[in-house]
N, C-alpha and C. Protein backbone atom coordinates (compact mmCIF):
# COMPACT_ATOMS: atom_id res chain seq x y z
N UNK A 1 38.73 -28.18 -44.06
CA UNK A 1 37.87 -27.71 -45.08
C UNK A 1 36.43 -27.91 -45.75
N UNK A 2 35.74 -26.59 -45.99
CA UNK A 2 34.37 -26.51 -46.33
C UNK A 2 34.24 -27.99 -47.68
N UNK A 3 32.95 -28.42 -47.25
CA UNK A 3 32.83 -29.86 -48.50
C UNK A 3 32.67 -29.49 -49.31
N UNK A 4 32.40 -28.32 -50.30
CA UNK A 4 31.65 -27.97 -51.98
C UNK A 4 32.46 -26.83 -51.56
N UNK A 5 34.16 -26.33 -51.81
CA UNK A 5 34.82 -25.29 -51.46
C UNK A 5 35.20 -25.26 -52.97
N UNK A 6 35.36 -26.16 -53.48
CA UNK A 6 35.07 -25.77 -55.10
C UNK A 6 34.39 -25.71 -55.70
N UNK A 7 32.63 -26.86 -55.41
CA UNK A 7 31.71 -25.40 -56.34
C UNK A 7 31.56 -24.62 -55.63
N UNK A 8 31.91 -23.82 -54.91
CA UNK A 8 31.09 -22.75 -54.71
C UNK A 8 32.62 -21.81 -55.01
N UNK A 9 33.41 -22.15 -55.20
CA UNK A 9 34.55 -20.79 -56.12
C UNK A 9 34.56 -21.17 -57.40
N UNK A 10 33.72 -21.96 -57.86
CA UNK A 10 33.21 -22.12 -59.35
C UNK A 10 31.95 -21.22 -59.70
N UNK A 11 30.86 -21.42 -58.40
CA UNK A 11 29.51 -20.60 -58.85
C UNK A 11 29.66 -19.67 -58.58
N UNK A 12 30.08 -18.75 -57.94
CA UNK A 12 29.92 -18.17 -57.32
C UNK A 12 31.07 -17.01 -57.99
N UNK A 13 31.28 -15.38 -57.86
CA UNK A 13 32.32 -13.99 -57.62
C UNK A 13 32.96 -13.66 -56.76
N UNK A 14 33.58 -14.35 -55.58
CA UNK A 14 33.34 -14.02 -54.31
C UNK A 14 34.75 -12.60 -54.29
N UNK A 15 34.27 -11.69 -52.93
CA UNK A 15 34.60 -10.80 -52.61
C UNK A 15 34.92 -11.62 -50.76
N UNK A 16 36.37 -11.62 -50.35
CA UNK A 16 36.55 -11.70 -49.21
C UNK A 16 37.40 -10.09 -48.37
N UNK A 17 36.73 -9.95 -47.20
CA UNK A 17 36.58 -9.12 -46.74
C UNK A 17 37.00 -9.13 -44.96
N UNK A 18 38.48 -8.25 -44.51
CA UNK A 18 38.20 -8.37 -43.52
C UNK A 18 36.94 -7.45 -42.73
N UNK A 19 35.88 -8.35 -42.03
CA UNK A 19 35.34 -7.47 -41.08
C UNK A 19 35.60 -7.24 -40.31
N UNK A 20 36.53 -6.77 -39.75
CA UNK A 20 37.15 -5.91 -38.22
C UNK A 20 37.56 -5.04 -39.01
N UNK A 21 38.14 -4.51 -40.30
CA UNK A 21 38.82 -3.33 -41.01
C UNK A 21 38.00 -2.87 -40.88
N UNK A 22 37.57 -1.13 -40.56
CA UNK A 22 36.48 -0.01 -40.92
C UNK A 22 37.10 0.37 -42.59
N UNK A 23 37.47 -0.09 -42.95
CA UNK A 23 38.12 -0.09 -44.67
C UNK A 23 37.52 -0.91 -45.52
N UNK A 24 37.63 -2.02 -44.95
CA UNK A 24 37.16 -3.06 -45.69
C UNK A 24 35.60 -2.81 -45.61
N UNK A 25 34.89 -2.78 -44.81
CA UNK A 25 33.42 -2.65 -44.17
C UNK A 25 32.98 -1.62 -44.65
N UNK A 26 33.93 -0.76 -45.07
CA UNK A 26 33.45 0.96 -46.34
C UNK A 26 33.62 -0.55 -47.37
N UNK A 27 34.32 -0.82 -48.20
CA UNK A 27 34.50 -1.37 -49.03
C UNK A 27 33.25 -2.49 -49.40
N UNK A 28 32.68 -3.09 -48.02
CA UNK A 28 31.49 -4.24 -48.84
C UNK A 28 30.11 -3.48 -48.40
N UNK A 29 29.78 -2.41 -47.73
CA UNK A 29 28.80 -1.26 -47.87
C UNK A 29 28.49 -0.74 -50.01
N UNK A 30 29.85 -0.56 -49.75
CA UNK A 30 30.44 0.24 -51.34
C UNK A 30 29.61 -0.85 -52.61
N UNK A 31 30.10 -1.97 -52.47
CA UNK A 31 29.54 -3.31 -52.75
C UNK A 31 28.33 -2.99 -52.45
N UNK A 32 28.11 -3.58 -51.67
CA UNK A 32 26.18 -3.71 -51.33
C UNK A 32 25.33 -2.66 -52.58
N UNK A 33 26.22 -1.11 -52.14
CA UNK A 33 25.18 -0.22 -53.12
C UNK A 33 25.15 -0.15 -54.12
N UNK A 34 26.72 -1.23 -54.94
CA UNK A 34 26.92 -0.11 -56.44
C UNK A 34 27.00 -1.74 -57.19
N UNK A 35 27.07 -2.81 -56.64
CA UNK A 35 26.53 -3.92 -57.65
C UNK A 35 25.62 -4.47 -57.53
N UNK A 36 25.39 -3.35 -58.16
CA UNK A 36 23.84 -3.53 -58.65
C UNK A 36 23.03 -5.62 -59.01
N UNK A 37 24.09 -5.97 -60.10
CA UNK A 37 23.58 -7.11 -60.39
C UNK A 37 23.70 -8.36 -59.57
N UNK A 38 24.39 -7.67 -59.06
CA UNK A 38 25.17 -8.83 -57.35
C UNK A 38 25.49 -10.36 -58.11
N UNK A 39 26.56 -9.37 -58.75
CA UNK A 39 27.99 -10.39 -59.31
C UNK A 39 28.51 -11.03 -58.13
N UNK A 40 29.24 -10.04 -57.32
CA UNK A 40 30.12 -10.58 -56.11
C UNK A 40 29.22 -11.34 -54.57
N UNK A 41 29.86 -12.40 -54.17
CA UNK A 41 29.32 -12.63 -52.88
C UNK A 41 30.02 -11.95 -52.01
N UNK A 42 29.76 -11.40 -51.30
CA UNK A 42 30.25 -11.30 -50.14
C UNK A 42 31.15 -12.82 -49.06
N UNK A 43 32.27 -12.81 -48.57
CA UNK A 43 32.10 -13.26 -47.45
C UNK A 43 33.24 -13.04 -46.53
N UNK A 44 32.92 -13.17 -45.29
CA UNK A 44 34.21 -12.06 -43.78
C UNK A 44 35.27 -13.46 -43.63
N UNK A 45 36.16 -12.68 -43.73
CA UNK A 45 37.25 -13.33 -43.84
C UNK A 45 37.25 -14.23 -42.47
N UNK A 46 36.13 -13.82 -42.00
CA UNK A 46 36.53 -13.99 -40.08
C UNK A 46 35.43 -15.67 -40.06
N UNK A 47 34.71 -15.82 -41.44
CA UNK A 47 33.53 -16.82 -41.02
C UNK A 47 34.15 -17.79 -41.12
N UNK A 48 33.40 -19.27 -41.09
CA UNK A 48 33.54 -20.32 -41.84
C UNK A 48 34.65 -20.52 -42.90
N UNK A 49 33.17 -19.89 -43.75
CA UNK A 49 33.62 -20.17 -45.28
C UNK A 49 35.20 -19.35 -45.76
N UNK A 50 35.17 -17.99 -44.50
CA UNK A 50 36.24 -17.48 -45.47
C UNK A 50 37.71 -17.91 -44.65
N UNK A 51 37.98 -18.47 -43.72
CA UNK A 51 38.78 -19.63 -43.07
C UNK A 51 39.34 -20.32 -44.41
N UNK A 52 38.12 -21.17 -44.68
CA UNK A 52 37.67 -22.36 -45.79
C UNK A 52 38.57 -22.10 -46.83
N UNK A 53 38.00 -20.96 -47.49
CA UNK A 53 38.63 -20.23 -48.54
C UNK A 53 40.39 -19.74 -48.41
N UNK A 54 40.93 -18.83 -47.19
CA UNK A 54 42.13 -18.71 -47.47
C UNK A 54 42.67 -20.08 -47.30
N UNK A 55 42.18 -20.57 -46.48
CA UNK A 55 42.86 -22.52 -46.42
C UNK A 55 43.28 -22.76 -47.59
N UNK A 56 42.25 -23.11 -48.75
CA UNK A 56 42.56 -23.64 -49.71
C UNK A 56 42.69 -22.92 -50.78
N UNK A 57 42.94 -21.45 -50.69
CA UNK A 57 44.26 -20.92 -51.04
C UNK A 57 45.59 -20.43 -50.79
N UNK A 58 45.92 -21.42 -50.13
CA UNK A 58 46.80 -21.71 -48.56
C UNK A 58 47.57 -19.95 -48.46
N UNK A 59 46.39 -19.24 -48.23
CA UNK A 59 46.56 -17.43 -47.85
C UNK A 59 46.55 -18.02 -46.12
N UNK A 60 47.12 -16.73 -45.23
CA UNK A 60 47.28 -16.78 -43.98
C UNK A 60 45.88 -16.66 -43.37
N UNK A 61 45.59 -17.35 -42.19
CA UNK A 61 44.15 -17.17 -41.65
C UNK A 61 44.48 -16.29 -40.40
N UNK A 62 45.05 -16.26 -40.05
CA UNK A 62 45.46 -15.93 -37.92
C UNK A 62 45.82 -13.62 -38.94
N UNK A 63 46.44 -13.53 -39.80
CA UNK A 63 47.28 -12.15 -40.10
C UNK A 63 46.40 -12.24 -41.52
N UNK A 64 45.49 -11.36 -41.92
CA UNK A 64 45.18 -10.84 -42.85
C UNK A 64 45.11 -9.98 -43.34
N UNK A 65 46.05 -9.67 -44.65
CA UNK A 65 46.64 -8.59 -45.68
C UNK A 65 46.37 -8.12 -46.52
N UNK A 66 45.42 -8.70 -47.58
CA UNK A 66 44.72 -8.16 -48.80
C UNK A 66 43.19 -8.53 -48.59
N UNK A 67 42.49 -8.26 -49.92
CA UNK A 67 40.97 -8.41 -49.73
C UNK A 67 41.64 -9.51 -51.03
N UNK A 68 41.07 -10.41 -51.02
CA UNK A 68 40.64 -11.74 -52.34
C UNK A 68 39.43 -11.56 -53.35
N UNK A 69 39.58 -11.50 -54.77
CA UNK A 69 38.72 -11.87 -55.37
C UNK A 69 38.38 -13.10 -56.13
N UNK A 70 37.95 -13.82 -56.12
CA UNK A 70 37.56 -15.41 -56.61
C UNK A 70 37.23 -15.28 -57.75
N UNK A 71 37.10 -15.23 -59.11
CA UNK A 71 36.27 -15.47 -60.34
C UNK A 71 36.54 -16.58 -60.74
N UNK A 72 36.10 -17.36 -60.78
CA UNK A 72 35.72 -18.63 -62.33
C UNK A 72 36.78 -19.52 -61.27
N UNK A 73 36.86 -19.67 -60.11
CA UNK A 73 38.10 -20.54 -59.18
C UNK A 73 39.64 -19.70 -59.71
N UNK A 74 40.01 -18.56 -60.32
CA UNK A 74 41.15 -17.79 -60.11
C UNK A 74 40.83 -16.85 -59.39
N UNK A 75 42.05 -16.75 -58.36
CA UNK A 75 42.41 -15.75 -56.82
C UNK A 75 42.86 -14.38 -57.35
N UNK A 76 42.66 -13.11 -56.99
CA UNK A 76 42.95 -12.53 -57.26
C UNK A 76 43.24 -11.56 -56.07
N UNK A 77 44.61 -10.71 -56.39
CA UNK A 77 45.33 -10.10 -54.60
C UNK A 77 45.25 -8.48 -55.04
N UNK A 78 45.17 -7.58 -53.90
CA UNK A 78 45.69 -7.02 -53.74
C UNK A 78 45.79 -5.89 -54.62
N UNK A 79 46.00 -5.32 -55.42
CA UNK A 79 45.54 -4.01 -56.35
C UNK A 79 44.27 -4.43 -57.66
N UNK A 80 45.11 -5.73 -58.27
CA UNK A 80 44.26 -5.96 -59.02
C UNK A 80 42.53 -7.14 -59.00
N UNK A 81 43.06 -7.28 -57.42
CA UNK A 81 41.77 -7.72 -57.18
C UNK A 81 40.67 -6.87 -56.80
N UNK A 82 41.38 -5.14 -56.24
CA UNK A 82 40.43 -3.62 -56.66
C UNK A 82 40.10 -3.79 -57.86
N UNK A 83 40.88 -3.88 -59.24
CA UNK A 83 40.42 -3.14 -60.28
C UNK A 83 39.33 -4.83 -61.01
N UNK A 84 39.55 -5.61 -60.75
CA UNK A 84 39.09 -6.73 -61.22
C UNK A 84 37.72 -6.40 -61.32
N UNK A 85 37.19 -5.84 -59.34
CA UNK A 85 35.72 -5.42 -59.61
C UNK A 85 35.68 -3.99 -59.50
N UNK A 86 35.91 -2.95 -59.15
CA UNK A 86 35.93 -2.03 -60.64
C UNK A 86 35.02 -2.04 -61.95
N UNK A 87 35.78 -3.15 -62.56
CA UNK A 87 35.59 -3.20 -63.78
C UNK A 87 34.47 -3.76 -64.14
N UNK A 88 34.05 -4.58 -63.31
CA UNK A 88 32.60 -5.17 -62.97
C UNK A 88 31.30 -4.11 -63.25
N UNK A 89 31.41 -3.62 -62.29
CA UNK A 89 30.61 -2.45 -62.04
C UNK A 89 29.94 -0.95 -62.53
N UNK A 90 30.58 -1.48 -63.64
CA UNK A 90 29.91 -0.41 -64.91
C UNK A 90 30.25 0.87 -64.88
N UNK A 91 29.75 1.38 -65.73
CA UNK A 91 30.79 3.00 -66.05
C UNK A 91 29.60 3.88 -64.34
N UNK A 92 30.80 4.96 -63.49
CA UNK A 92 31.67 5.29 -63.91
C UNK A 92 33.17 4.15 -63.18
N UNK A 93 32.41 3.60 -62.24
CA UNK A 93 33.47 2.42 -61.99
C UNK A 93 34.75 2.16 -62.36
N UNK A 94 33.27 1.38 -63.88
CA UNK A 94 34.41 0.66 -64.87
C UNK A 94 36.02 1.74 -65.29
N UNK A 95 36.37 3.38 -65.40
CA UNK A 95 36.89 3.60 -65.49
C UNK A 95 38.47 3.52 -64.95
N UNK A 96 38.47 2.76 -63.68
CA UNK A 96 39.08 3.21 -62.85
C UNK A 96 39.98 1.78 -63.24
N UNK A 97 39.61 1.46 -64.46
CA UNK A 97 40.47 -0.38 -65.16
C UNK A 97 40.90 0.68 -65.91
N UNK A 98 41.32 2.25 -66.16
CA UNK A 98 42.85 2.74 -66.66
C UNK A 98 44.20 2.01 -65.84
N UNK A 99 43.65 1.84 -64.40
CA UNK A 99 44.91 1.48 -63.00
C UNK A 99 45.46 0.50 -63.88
N UNK A 100 45.50 -0.17 -64.73
CA UNK A 100 46.22 -1.27 -65.19
C UNK A 100 47.00 -0.86 -65.61
N UNK A 101 47.07 0.69 -66.58
CA UNK A 101 48.23 0.39 -67.16
C UNK A 101 49.39 1.17 -66.13
N UNK A 102 49.23 0.73 -64.80
CA UNK A 102 49.68 1.22 -63.72
C UNK A 102 50.62 0.27 -64.30
N UNK A 103 52.11 0.07 -63.81
CA UNK A 103 52.69 -1.55 -63.51
C UNK A 103 52.23 -1.88 -61.89
N UNK A 104 52.25 -3.65 -62.43
CA UNK A 104 51.13 -4.15 -61.06
C UNK A 104 52.56 -3.85 -59.87
N UNK A 105 53.19 -3.91 -60.60
CA UNK A 105 54.60 -3.49 -58.44
C UNK A 105 54.05 -2.10 -57.61
N UNK A 106 53.60 -1.58 -58.28
CA UNK A 106 53.67 -0.06 -57.84
C UNK A 106 52.01 0.14 -58.26
N UNK A 107 51.11 -0.34 -58.18
CA UNK A 107 50.06 -0.70 -57.68
C UNK A 107 49.96 -1.51 -56.50
N UNK A 108 50.39 -2.29 -56.19
CA UNK A 108 50.67 -3.42 -55.57
C UNK A 108 51.43 -2.66 -54.21
N UNK A 109 52.56 -1.76 -54.83
CA UNK A 109 53.14 -1.35 -53.11
C UNK A 109 52.05 -0.49 -52.68
N UNK A 110 51.90 0.45 -53.71
CA UNK A 110 50.81 0.90 -52.94
C UNK A 110 49.13 0.91 -52.48
N UNK A 111 48.75 -0.18 -52.86
CA UNK A 111 48.08 -1.29 -51.97
C UNK A 111 48.26 -1.76 -50.33
N UNK A 112 49.55 -2.51 -50.83
CA UNK A 112 50.43 -2.77 -49.65
C UNK A 112 50.23 -1.63 -48.40
N UNK A 113 50.67 -0.47 -48.60
CA UNK A 113 50.87 0.58 -48.20
C UNK A 113 49.42 1.17 -46.87
N UNK A 114 49.21 1.03 -48.03
CA UNK A 114 47.74 1.29 -47.48
C UNK A 114 46.99 -0.34 -46.08
N UNK A 115 47.16 -1.47 -46.89
CA UNK A 115 46.66 -2.66 -46.62
C UNK A 115 47.46 -3.16 -44.98
N UNK A 116 48.47 -3.00 -44.77
CA UNK A 116 49.59 -3.36 -43.97
C UNK A 116 49.38 -1.81 -42.54
N UNK A 117 48.81 -0.49 -43.26
CA UNK A 117 48.86 -0.31 -41.93
C UNK A 117 46.72 0.48 -41.81
N UNK A 118 46.06 -0.14 -42.29
CA UNK A 118 44.69 -0.28 -42.49
C UNK A 118 44.31 0.35 -40.77
N UNK A 119 44.89 -0.44 -39.94
CA UNK A 119 44.66 -0.47 -38.43
C UNK A 119 44.68 0.57 -38.01
N UNK A 120 46.38 0.79 -38.36
CA UNK A 120 46.66 2.81 -37.26
C UNK A 120 45.56 4.06 -37.76
N UNK A 121 45.80 3.64 -39.48
CA UNK A 121 45.22 4.75 -39.94
C UNK A 121 43.75 4.70 -39.60
N UNK A 122 43.05 3.65 -40.00
CA UNK A 122 41.29 3.58 -39.47
C UNK A 122 40.50 2.91 -38.62
N UNK A 123 41.52 2.58 -37.96
CA UNK A 123 41.16 1.82 -36.64
C UNK A 123 40.08 0.11 -37.37
N UNK A 124 39.91 -0.40 -36.20
CA UNK A 124 39.36 -1.23 -36.34
C UNK A 124 37.13 -1.16 -35.78
N UNK A 125 36.88 -1.50 -36.20
CA UNK A 125 35.18 -1.89 -36.21
C UNK A 125 34.86 -2.26 -35.12
N UNK A 126 34.49 -1.84 -33.80
CA UNK A 126 34.14 -2.41 -32.80
C UNK A 126 32.44 -3.25 -32.64
N UNK A 127 31.64 -3.39 -34.02
CA UNK A 127 31.04 -4.51 -34.56
C UNK A 127 31.31 -4.90 -35.98
N UNK A 128 30.22 -6.10 -35.72
CA UNK A 128 30.55 -6.67 -36.62
C UNK A 128 29.10 -6.75 -37.85
N UNK A 129 29.45 -6.00 -39.28
CA UNK A 129 28.21 -6.77 -39.38
C UNK A 129 27.53 -7.59 -40.19
N UNK A 130 26.02 -7.58 -39.74
CA UNK A 130 25.74 -8.41 -40.04
C UNK A 130 24.56 -7.97 -41.38
N UNK A 131 24.29 -8.67 -42.19
CA UNK A 131 23.36 -8.06 -43.93
C UNK A 131 21.83 -8.11 -43.02
N UNK A 132 21.35 -6.85 -43.34
CA UNK A 132 19.67 -7.20 -43.30
C UNK A 132 19.06 -8.42 -43.87
N UNK A 133 17.81 -8.46 -44.43
CA UNK A 133 17.23 -9.06 -45.27
C UNK A 133 17.25 -8.93 -46.20
N UNK A 134 17.27 -7.66 -46.48
CA UNK A 134 17.21 -6.69 -47.32
C UNK A 134 18.30 -6.94 -48.53
N UNK A 135 19.45 -7.16 -47.79
CA UNK A 135 20.60 -7.29 -48.31
C UNK A 135 21.82 -8.34 -48.66
N UNK A 136 21.18 -9.39 -47.49
CA UNK A 136 21.34 -10.74 -47.76
C UNK A 136 22.01 -11.76 -48.73
N UNK A 137 21.52 -11.47 -49.85
CA UNK A 137 21.21 -12.14 -50.76
C UNK A 137 23.06 -11.29 -51.67
N UNK A 138 23.68 -10.89 -51.20
CA UNK A 138 25.12 -9.84 -51.48
C UNK A 138 26.02 -10.96 -50.91
N UNK A 139 25.65 -11.55 -49.36
CA UNK A 139 27.01 -12.06 -48.76
C UNK A 139 26.45 -13.69 -49.30
N UNK A 140 27.59 -14.69 -49.22
CA UNK A 140 27.55 -16.20 -49.09
C UNK A 140 26.97 -16.86 -47.36
N UNK A 141 27.69 -15.77 -46.36
CA UNK A 141 27.61 -16.27 -45.43
C UNK A 141 27.66 -15.22 -44.33
N UNK A 142 26.44 -15.53 -43.46
CA UNK A 142 26.57 -14.65 -42.04
C UNK A 142 27.99 -14.47 -41.45
N UNK A 143 27.99 -13.39 -41.24
CA UNK A 143 29.38 -12.83 -41.41
C UNK A 143 29.83 -13.13 -39.76
N UNK A 144 31.14 -13.50 -39.39
CA UNK A 144 31.42 -14.29 -37.76
C UNK A 144 32.22 -13.28 -37.32
N UNK A 145 32.56 -12.56 -36.28
CA UNK A 145 33.40 -11.87 -35.90
C UNK A 145 33.53 -12.50 -34.04
N UNK A 146 34.11 -12.62 -33.41
CA UNK A 146 34.44 -13.43 -31.73
C UNK A 146 34.49 -12.04 -31.86
N UNK A 147 34.27 -12.01 -30.06
CA UNK A 147 34.71 -10.13 -29.42
C UNK A 147 34.21 -9.42 -29.89
N UNK A 148 33.08 -9.11 -31.05
CA UNK A 148 32.25 -8.35 -31.20
C UNK A 148 31.01 -8.23 -31.42
N UNK A 149 30.42 -6.54 -31.36
CA UNK A 149 28.85 -6.88 -31.34
C UNK A 149 28.40 -7.06 -32.32
N UNK A 150 26.98 -6.86 -33.07
CA UNK A 150 26.78 -6.63 -34.41
C UNK A 150 26.32 -5.74 -34.42
N UNK A 151 25.69 -5.23 -36.05
CA UNK A 151 25.37 -3.65 -36.38
C UNK A 151 24.27 -4.65 -37.74
N UNK A 152 23.09 -4.34 -37.92
CA UNK A 152 22.51 -4.62 -39.15
C UNK A 152 23.20 -3.79 -40.36
N UNK A 153 23.59 -4.75 -41.26
CA UNK A 153 23.27 -3.38 -42.33
C UNK A 153 21.78 -2.97 -43.23
N UNK A 154 21.46 -1.61 -42.55
CA UNK A 154 20.22 -1.55 -43.05
C UNK A 154 20.50 -1.29 -45.34
N UNK A 155 19.09 -1.24 -45.69
CA UNK A 155 19.49 -0.75 -46.89
C UNK A 155 20.55 0.97 -47.35
N UNK A 156 21.26 0.40 -48.89
CA UNK A 156 22.45 1.11 -49.04
C UNK A 156 22.33 1.75 -50.03
């Protein structure tokens, strides 16, 4: 377990994402571009901190199936995780909070359909995104992808 995991989850709003998923990397790039206040810190599920967070919340560390959002120590998954982030990004993204009007079981079903088929639908990246010095403040820890080359994230 990461030595300061409790401190980390209390001090930061975190988005944990699959660093080898094409759609997840697109989401990370989206957050770098539109999270102007840098409210959310990105953490790769494949990094040591990502693994520690997954273990802390008793989530699978081998087969990653959902983006996780941690706010004030509370874990959000699936469609709720997505909506939590969007509601904090300001206009026009916060309009997506209307998604809360859709019953959670429907939202989560649709989320799972995409999430469970994401590699088949969108593929895997052949490289791991590493933050540039200007975007490093969006990340809590360097991305770690075993068996992948790296690609620097430039200006968003």
